[in-house]
Each structure stands twice: as C-alpha cells, then as structure tokens.
C-alpha cells in the first residue's frame, strides 16, 4: 500500500515516520509495546495451555498439535482462537494494540481472528513464504496482523521474516499443480523471490511485529530447545469486508474494536485468489504446508 494511502488522522501511539514506514515497506517492528508484567501473565497462561495439551493425542478445536507431540514432550503448533480462550488474550487485542492498528489503517477497526503459534526445536516448524490475504479475501487490502513476542526473539528463535515492499507486488497462487491448497508459494515462485533484502524481525519480549496482508513473509525453524510463542491478532479497516467463509471464527470475529461500523465498503480494484471453502473447517498453516489433510480446490 503506497504512503499516499496512509490515513490522515491524528496519531495515538505511533509517530508519523512509523506510519509512513509501514505503508512504504508493508511491515513495522515496535519494541516493548506490552509491559513486562502483562507479558509475564501471558506466558503463565500460555504455559498452562501447553500443560493441558499433554493429555491430548490429536488436534482439536483448541490445539493444533505437531505429529511428534506427546505427553512427555508437548509440541503445540498453535493454540486456536486465544481471544476466546482467556480474557487476557482479548484484553491485549483491544488495548494499546488496537490503538496502533487504528494509527495505521484508520479510526474504524474490525477484529478478524487470533492464533498463538509456537516454534519448537526439532518440531518441523519452518513456515514457508506466503501471503495472508488469500486465506481470507476482503474488499480491500487493509487487513494486517500484529504479532506479540512473549519471549525474547532473536535470529535463532525462528523470527518472522518479511520482504520489504512485497505488499505492492503480485499476489501468488497458493495451490499446488494438483489443485490442493498449500498456503504457500510454489517452489518455482519462491525461487524467483529476491530475498537478499529480507528482514528478520527480532526483538525483546513485549515487542510487536505488524505486517500487511499482502506482504510476503516466512519464518525459519527454531534452533533453541524451548518453544517460542508468538501471539497473533488480525484486524481490518472498518470498510474492508470479507467475501469468503472465515477460516476459524471466534466469538469476537468481525467485532468493531475502534471507531464505528462502516456503512460503505471500499473496493480495491486488484483481484485476489480465492481459498478453499473454509465453512467445513480449517486446521492450520502448518498442516497445509506439510500436506496434512490436503484440501483440493473447490
């Protein structure tokens, strides 16, 4: 999204330079947004969920589990819909984070979804290059995702990695040649990417990453023994409306968290690839990219 599309509204949390950088580059890193006490509480709650997963042998509506998951060594790939799993996850989504989102996409902000992803050393947790909007097309490309690092995250912890400016480039096909949804670029498209300028978004606990829905991004595997949790909340401008089934709606899906509900939809003329029909259920990007439960194009 070009800088000229940045909202010309009073800023609550960010500087003018930060807002312009996000719209020019398609991403932003802001360090230590969430205070240390809240981060500690979030980690305690998250650890409780991981402990609960020890009794699980397969994925369900709360947990997406890695194939190697077991009671002795739990490997939760994702806690699904954390915004409805515990009040603090939701409180964080609607606090300072929502203010920052409104600084970037305008005063009217709608909540879309949440997830809490993990990296476990040896857990096959690479996330391949992909874009988000093909999972949940909207009438415009304002949707963005905010990631909250719950622990210090460096180059060895599988940090979010982005390609600056790729949000102004093409959208890629995220199906394979057989028509199965993979949720990632094909090998041929990935090989054409110029990753020389890729940026690893590292930072201390409480830092946030923000990336636009068109931004090409990935994350490398973790090389540390302990799991790296990343709490993710996704939002859209009030005048962006989804036109396919929500992949995994929580009780807060499409709730207005800042401003008011729009009466008019804003339509971007650029087309968007359609995903499979998610109305029958959705697993996770990890399952899609590893070929688990492949879903053919509808």
Foldseek 3Di string as FASTA:
>chain_A
DALVQWDPDDADPDDPVQLNQCRQFQKGKDAQPDPPVLLVVVVVVVVVVQLVCQPPDADDLAFHFFNPAHNVHHGTQKGFQVVVVDVSLVVVCLPVVVSVLCNRAHQWKWWATKMKGKFAVVRPNWWAKAFACQQWPKQDFQKKKKKFWSAFDDQQQFAKKWGTPQLVPDHADQADPQQWGQRHHDPVVVVPDDCPPIDGRGHGGNMMMMGTRRIIIITGHHPDHDMTIMIMIMMGGLQIGTDADRLRDDPRHGPTSGDDHDPHHDGDPDDHNHDARNPVHHRDSVCSNVVHPIDGHD
